[in-house]
Each structure stands twice: as structure tokens, then as C-alpha cells.
């Protein structure tokens, strides 16, 4: 009797640990979808109108992180109309943070990203709309970056991207 009671208690404890371990909310799970229409283009201009991305030292001090995934976001510096710009893809919101329509055909969500220019941070808030191919499935479909907010400004989508112009000093501090 005493042995079976001990085994029962141990089993209960192990099941409780298993349940609590599986309730981890720290995992980041975005919707599996195309991100072709989630491109962000950033222009960095100084007070005189010069392109800061022409300066290798300035470019070397840039990093971008997705706040939900805590991952570094890859970016490219490429020539675009008017000079060099940063190109990268917006981080998708976590599946649990998406707000679905009643028929589950579409969802909206917000993702946040942090850009660092040397020691100076710029927070990006990305509004993403998802349209499902085969509702209520949450994979496939298409995500579209609708707008990006930063520094008390909102930048709307044009085509498949959102272009942001940041005015800053040579150290990356917004002006």
C-alpha cells in the first residue's frame, strides 16, 4: 500500500512537471507564409542630406533584432533610387498574437523590431495583414506589411515594401 502510494505521488509530480514544461510561452511561432510583400527599405540621411550608408563605419554599427524571436535580422545595403538603402524583411508576429476574422480568412498582427545604429536604438512597429489560401489553415497564404511606425511617424506600404527615411547624425542618433 505504501509503495503504490509513493509511485502515485511520483507519477503525479512528474505529470505536473510535464504539463508546466509544455506551457512555455517563450517559444516564437510565426505563421508559415510568404514574406515577399513584407520588405522594409530604410534610408539614413544626415542633417545636410548626405546618405550615411555610404560610410562603411556607420554601416558596420547597424544591427536589427526581432523582438518576438530575439533573432538578428539579416539586411543588405543596396543601391536604390537616390542612393544606398537598407533592405530587410519584417519579422512576422507570433501566431498567438494574430487577430483573426470570424471566418478565419484573414488576420492582422503587430510585430516589433529594434534597429541599432551604434548605441542608438530605433523601434519599429510593423502592422502585418495575413490572407489565408485555404481557411482555416494557418500555413500558406500571404502576409503583407501594411505600415511601419517609428519615431512618431507612420509609413504606408507602396507596392510590396514600406520605405522609411530616418534623419540622424553620423553616430546614428535621430535628429
C-alpha atoms as a PDB file:
ATOM      1  CA  UNK A   1       0.000   0.000   0.000  1.00  0.00           C
ATOM      2  CA  UNK A   2       2.768   2.439   0.951  1.00  0.00           C
ATOM      3  CA  UNK A   3       4.754   1.582  -2.206  1.00  0.00           C
ATOM      4  CA  UNK A   4       1.795   2.202  -4.551  1.00  0.00           C
ATOM      5  CA  UNK A   5       1.040   5.500  -2.790  1.00  0.00           C
ATOM      6  CA  UNK A   6       4.661   6.632  -3.336  1.00  0.00           C
ATOM      7  CA  UNK A   7       4.529   5.627  -7.005  1.00  0.00           C
ATOM      8  CA  UNK A   8       1.240   7.535  -7.370  1.00  0.00           C
ATOM      9  CA  UNK A   9       2.730  10.691  -5.828  1.00  0.00           C
ATOM     10  CA  UNK A  10       5.846  10.455  -8.009  1.00  0.00           C
ATOM     11  CA  UNK A  11       3.683   9.948 -11.104  1.00  0.00           C
ATOM     12  CA  UNK A  12       1.559  12.968 -10.189  1.00  0.00           C
ATOM     13  CA  UNK A  13       4.645  15.136  -9.687  1.00  0.00           C
ATOM     14  CA  UNK A  14       6.154  14.010 -13.000  1.00  0.00           C
ATOM     15  CA  UNK A  15       2.929  14.696 -14.895  1.00  0.00           C
ATOM     16  CA  UNK A  16       2.684  18.150 -13.291  1.00  0.00           C
ATOM     17  CA  UNK A  17       6.254  18.964 -14.335  1.00  0.00           C
ATOM     18  CA  UNK A  18       5.493  17.768 -17.860  1.00  0.00           C
ATOM     19  CA  UNK A  19       2.364  19.919 -18.113  1.00  0.00           C
ATOM     20  CA  UNK A  20       4.131  23.033 -16.802  1.00  0.00           C
ATOM     21  CA  UNK A  21       7.085  22.468 -19.134  1.00  0.00           C
ATOM     22  CA  UNK A  22       4.786  22.205 -22.146  1.00  0.00           C
ATOM     23  CA  UNK A  23       3.089  25.525 -21.283  1.00  0.00           C
ATOM     24  CA  UNK A  24       6.183  27.511 -22.274  1.00  0.00           C
ATOM     25  CA  UNK A  25       5.029  30.833 -23.801  1.00  0.00           C
ATOM     26  CA  UNK A  26       8.564  31.892 -24.689  1.00  0.00           C
ATOM     27  CA  UNK A  27       8.530  29.953 -27.966  1.00  0.00           C
ATOM     28  CA  UNK A  28       8.135  32.092 -31.077  1.00  0.00           C
ATOM     29  CA  UNK A  29       5.957  30.558 -33.801  1.00  0.00           C
ATOM     30  CA  UNK A  30       5.150  32.786 -36.759  1.00  0.00           C
ATOM     31  CA  UNK A  31       2.676  31.779 -39.434  1.00  0.00           C
ATOM     32  CA  UNK A  32       4.377  29.827 -42.218  1.00  0.00           C
ATOM     33  CA  UNK A  33       3.762  32.053 -45.227  1.00  0.00           C
ATOM     34  CA  UNK A  34       5.352  34.058 -47.990  1.00  0.00           C
ATOM     35  CA  UNK A  35       7.031  37.274 -46.839  1.00  0.00           C
ATOM     36  CA  UNK A  36       7.638  38.721 -50.323  1.00  0.00           C
ATOM     37  CA  UNK A  37       5.340  41.664 -49.508  1.00  0.00           C
ATOM     38  CA  UNK A  38       6.959  42.347 -46.113  1.00  0.00           C
ATOM     39  CA  UNK A  39      10.049  44.247 -47.235  1.00  0.00           C
ATOM     40  CA  UNK A  40      11.304  47.296 -45.362  1.00  0.00           C
ATOM     41  CA  UNK A  41      13.599  49.816 -47.031  1.00  0.00           C
ATOM     42  CA  UNK A  42      15.381  52.311 -44.763  1.00  0.00           C
ATOM     43  CA  UNK A  43      17.182  55.423 -45.944  1.00  0.00           C
ATOM     44  CA  UNK A  44      19.586  57.038 -43.460  1.00  0.00           C
ATOM     45  CA  UNK A  45      20.208  60.733 -44.133  1.00  0.00           C
ATOM     46  CA  UNK A  46      22.246  63.208 -42.091  1.00  0.00           C
ATOM     47  CA  UNK A  47      21.285  66.818 -41.363  1.00  0.00           C
ATOM     48  CA  UNK A  48      22.925  68.009 -44.604  1.00  0.00           C
ATOM     49  CA  UNK A  49      21.089  65.469 -46.761  1.00  0.00           C
ATOM     50  CA  UNK A  50      24.062  63.123 -47.196  1.00  0.00           C
ATOM     51  CA  UNK A  51      23.486  59.374 -47.261  1.00  0.00           C
ATOM     52  CA  UNK A  52      25.007  57.847 -44.104  1.00  0.00           C
ATOM     53  CA  UNK A  53      25.002  54.373 -45.701  1.00  0.00           C
ATOM     54  CA  UNK A  54      27.928  55.476 -47.890  1.00  0.00           C
ATOM     55  CA  UNK A  55      30.043  55.376 -44.700  1.00  0.00           C
ATOM     56  CA  UNK A  56      31.335  51.833 -44.014  1.00  0.00           C
ATOM     57  CA  UNK A  57      31.934  52.592 -40.323  1.00  0.00           C
ATOM     58  CA  UNK A  58      28.295  53.686 -39.944  1.00  0.00           C
ATOM     59  CA  UNK A  59      27.035  50.552 -41.760  1.00  0.00           C
ATOM     60  CA  UNK A  60      29.228  48.297 -39.578  1.00  0.00           C
ATOM     61  CA  UNK A  61      27.456  49.707 -36.483  1.00  0.00           C
ATOM     62  CA  UNK A  62      23.983  48.639 -37.670  1.00  0.00           C
ATOM     63  CA  UNK A  63      22.098  45.665 -36.219  1.00  0.00           C
ATOM     64  CA  UNK A  64      18.437  44.678 -36.388  1.00  0.00           C
ATOM     65  CA  UNK A  65      16.637  42.329 -33.985  1.00  0.00           C
ATOM     66  CA  UNK A  66      13.142  40.883 -33.977  1.00  0.00           C
ATOM     67  CA  UNK A  67      11.630  41.486 -30.532  1.00  0.00           C
ATOM     68  CA  UNK A  68       9.463  38.321 -30.517  1.00  0.00           C
ATOM     69  CA  UNK A  69      12.073  35.920 -31.888  1.00  0.00           C
ATOM     70  CA  UNK A  70      15.062  37.630 -30.246  1.00  0.00           C
ATOM     71  CA  UNK A  71      16.874  36.859 -33.502  1.00  0.00           C
ATOM     72  CA  UNK A  72      19.197  39.009 -35.540  1.00  0.00           C
ATOM     73  CA  UNK A  73      17.505  40.077 -38.762  1.00  0.00           C
ATOM     74  CA  UNK A  74      19.665  39.909 -41.882  1.00  0.00           C
ATOM     75  CA  UNK A  75      19.844  43.020 -44.008  1.00  0.00           C
ATOM     76  CA  UNK A  76      21.501  44.195 -47.210  1.00  0.00           C
ATOM     77  CA  UNK A  77      22.776  47.604 -48.177  1.00  0.00           C
ATOM     78  CA  UNK A  78      21.937  48.132 -51.850  1.00  0.00           C
ATOM     79  CA  UNK A  79      21.683  50.955 -54.312  1.00  0.00           C
ATOM     80  CA  UNK A  80      18.125  52.100 -54.813  1.00  0.00           C
ATOM     81  CA  UNK A  81      16.650  55.196 -56.363  1.00  0.00           C
ATOM     82  CA  UNK A  82      18.541  58.085 -54.864  1.00  0.00           C
ATOM     83  CA  UNK A  83      21.413  56.154 -53.248  1.00  0.00           C
ATOM     84  CA  UNK A  84      22.089  53.328 -50.825  1.00  0.00           C
ATOM     85  CA  UNK A  85      19.348  51.917 -48.591  1.00  0.00           C
ATOM     86  CA  UNK A  86      18.940  49.119 -46.029  1.00  0.00           C
ATOM     87  CA  UNK A  87      16.734  46.257 -47.212  1.00  0.00           C
ATOM     88  CA  UNK A  88      15.294  43.628 -44.851  1.00  0.00           C
ATOM     89  CA  UNK A  89      12.160  41.618 -44.179  1.00  0.00           C
ATOM     90  CA  UNK A  90       9.796  42.495 -41.333  1.00  0.00           C
ATOM     91  CA  UNK A  91       9.524  39.873 -38.614  1.00  0.00           C
ATOM     92  CA  UNK A  92       6.127  38.179 -38.648  1.00  0.00           C
ATOM     93  CA  UNK A  93       4.013  38.286 -35.475  1.00  0.00           C
ATOM     94  CA  UNK A  94       3.667  35.161 -33.353  1.00  0.00           C
ATOM     95  CA  UNK A  95       0.645  33.037 -34.344  1.00  0.00           C
ATOM     96  CA  UNK A  96      -0.902  33.576 -30.912  1.00  0.00           C
ATOM     97  CA  UNK A  97      -0.710  37.356 -31.345  1.00  0.00           C
ATOM     98  CA  UNK A  98      -2.681  37.427 -34.605  1.00  0.00           C
ATOM     99  CA  UNK A  99      -6.300  38.695 -34.521  1.00  0.00           C
ATOM    100  CA  UNK A 100      -8.415  36.524 -36.807  1.00  0.00           C
ATOM    101  CA  UNK A 101     -11.621  37.402 -38.656  1.00  0.00           C
ATOM    102  CA  UNK A 102     -14.674  35.306 -37.729  1.00  0.00           C
ATOM    103  CA  UNK A 103     -14.407  33.230 -40.904  1.00  0.00           C
ATOM    104  CA  UNK A 104     -10.617  32.818 -40.336  1.00  0.00           C
ATOM    105  CA  UNK A 105      -9.864  34.020 -43.853  1.00  0.00           C
ATOM    106  CA  UNK A 106      -7.597  36.804 -42.688  1.00  0.00           C
ATOM    107  CA  UNK A 107      -5.706  38.032 -39.661  1.00  0.00           C
ATOM    108  CA  UNK A 108      -3.891  41.149 -38.501  1.00  0.00           C
ATOM    109  CA  UNK A 109      -0.942  41.391 -36.188  1.00  0.00           C
ATOM    110  CA  UNK A 110       1.809  43.658 -34.942  1.00  0.00           C
ATOM    111  CA  UNK A 111       5.470  42.743 -34.775  1.00  0.00           C
ATOM    112  CA  UNK A 112       8.166  44.878 -33.229  1.00  0.00           C
ATOM    113  CA  UNK A 113      11.777  45.199 -34.236  1.00  0.00           C
ATOM    114  CA  UNK A 114      14.731  47.104 -32.827  1.00  0.00           C
ATOM    115  CA  UNK A 115      17.272  48.721 -35.107  1.00  0.00           C
ATOM    116  CA  UNK A 116      20.556  49.790 -33.552  1.00  0.00           C
ATOM    117  CA  UNK A 117      22.781  52.394 -35.124  1.00  0.00           C
ATOM    118  CA  UNK A 118      25.905  52.112 -32.990  1.00  0.00           C
ATOM    119  CA  UNK A 119      24.450  52.690 -29.489  1.00  0.00           C
ATOM    120  CA  UNK A 120      21.240  54.433 -30.607  1.00  0.00           C
ATOM    121  CA  UNK A 121      18.001  52.449 -30.908  1.00  0.00           C
ATOM    122  CA  UNK A 122      15.075  52.919 -33.262  1.00  0.00           C
ATOM    123  CA  UNK A 123      11.933  50.902 -32.513  1.00  0.00           C
ATOM    124  CA  UNK A 124       9.842  49.697 -35.456  1.00  0.00           C
ATOM    125  CA  UNK A 125       6.218  48.634 -35.086  1.00  0.00           C
ATOM    126  CA  UNK A 126       5.084  46.631 -38.129  1.00  0.00           C
ATOM    127  CA  UNK A 127       1.389  46.109 -38.950  1.00  0.00           C
ATOM    128  CA  UNK A 128       1.027  42.870 -40.934  1.00  0.00           C
ATOM    129  CA  UNK A 129      -2.074  41.505 -42.635  1.00  0.00           C
ATOM    130  CA  UNK A 130      -2.355  37.786 -43.442  1.00  0.00           C
ATOM    131  CA  UNK A 131      -4.757  36.301 -46.009  1.00  0.00           C
ATOM    132  CA  UNK A 132      -5.199  32.519 -45.884  1.00  0.00           C
ATOM    133  CA  UNK A 133      -5.136  30.354 -49.014  1.00  0.00           C
ATOM    134  CA  UNK A 134      -7.332  27.661 -47.520  1.00  0.00           C
ATOM    135  CA  UNK A 135      -9.056  28.862 -44.357  1.00  0.00           C
ATOM    136  CA  UNK A 136      -8.936  27.920 -41.548  1.00  0.00           C
ATOM    137  CA  UNK A 137      -5.386  26.639 -42.262  1.00  0.00           C
ATOM    138  CA  UNK A 138      -2.702  28.896 -40.804  1.00  0.00           C
ATOM    139  CA  UNK A 139       0.072  27.964 -43.218  1.00  0.00           C
ATOM    140  CA  UNK A 140       0.488  29.080 -46.783  1.00  0.00           C
ATOM    141  CA  UNK A 141      -1.360  32.223 -47.717  1.00  0.00           C
ATOM    142  CA  UNK A 142       0.273  35.603 -47.959  1.00  0.00           C
ATOM    143  CA  UNK A 143       1.487  38.135 -45.412  1.00  0.00           C
ATOM    144  CA  UNK A 144       1.574  41.807 -46.384  1.00  0.00           C
ATOM    145  CA  UNK A 145       3.317  44.572 -44.472  1.00  0.00           C
ATOM    146  CA  UNK A 146       0.705  47.346 -44.386  1.00  0.00           C
ATOM    147  CA  UNK A 147       2.624  50.023 -42.481  1.00  0.00           C
ATOM    148  CA  UNK A 148       5.559  50.680 -40.175  1.00  0.00           C
ATOM    149  CA  UNK A 149       5.550  53.151 -37.288  1.00  0.00           C
ATOM    150  CA  UNK A 150       8.689  54.621 -35.782  1.00  0.00           C
ATOM    151  CA  UNK A 151       9.753  57.900 -34.233  1.00  0.00           C
ATOM    152  CA  UNK A 152       6.116  59.095 -34.016  1.00  0.00           C
ATOM    153  CA  UNK A 153       5.629  58.660 -37.771  1.00  0.00           C
ATOM    154  CA  UNK A 154       3.723  56.068 -39.792  1.00  0.00           C
ATOM    155  CA  UNK A 155       4.997  54.925 -43.180  1.00  0.00           C
ATOM    156  CA  UNK A 156       2.496  53.206 -45.504  1.00  0.00           C
ATOM    157  CA  UNK A 157       3.120  50.407 -47.977  1.00  0.00           C
ATOM    158  CA  UNK A 158       3.870  51.222 -51.588  1.00  0.00           C
ATOM    159  CA  UNK A 159       3.908  48.120 -53.792  1.00  0.00           C
ATOM    160  CA  UNK A 160       5.484  45.248 -51.887  1.00  0.00           C
ATOM    161  CA  UNK A 161       7.519  47.355 -49.444  1.00  0.00           C
ATOM    162  CA  UNK A 162       7.486  50.171 -46.921  1.00  0.00           C
ATOM    163  CA  UNK A 163      10.152  52.865 -47.274  1.00  0.00           C
ATOM    164  CA  UNK A 164      11.316  54.761 -44.195  1.00  0.00           C
ATOM    165  CA  UNK A 165      13.571  57.808 -44.192  1.00  0.00           C
ATOM    166  CA  UNK A 166      15.482  58.405 -40.965  1.00  0.00           C
ATOM    167  CA  UNK A 167      17.321  61.657 -40.339  1.00  0.00           C
ATOM    168  CA  UNK A 168      20.204  61.174 -37.939  1.00  0.00           C
ATOM    169  CA  UNK A 169      23.666  62.345 -37.030  1.00  0.00           C
ATOM    170  CA  UNK A 170      26.805  60.400 -38.023  1.00  0.00           C
ATOM    171  CA  UNK A 171      26.559  58.324 -34.802  1.00  0.00           C
ATOM    172  CA  UNK A 172      23.013  57.130 -35.514  1.00  0.00           C
ATOM    173  CA  UNK A 173      21.134  59.453 -33.163  1.00  0.00           C
ATOM    174  CA  UNK A 174      17.812  60.588 -34.631  1.00  0.00           C
ATOM    175  CA  UNK A 175      17.540  64.308 -35.336  1.00  0.00           C
END
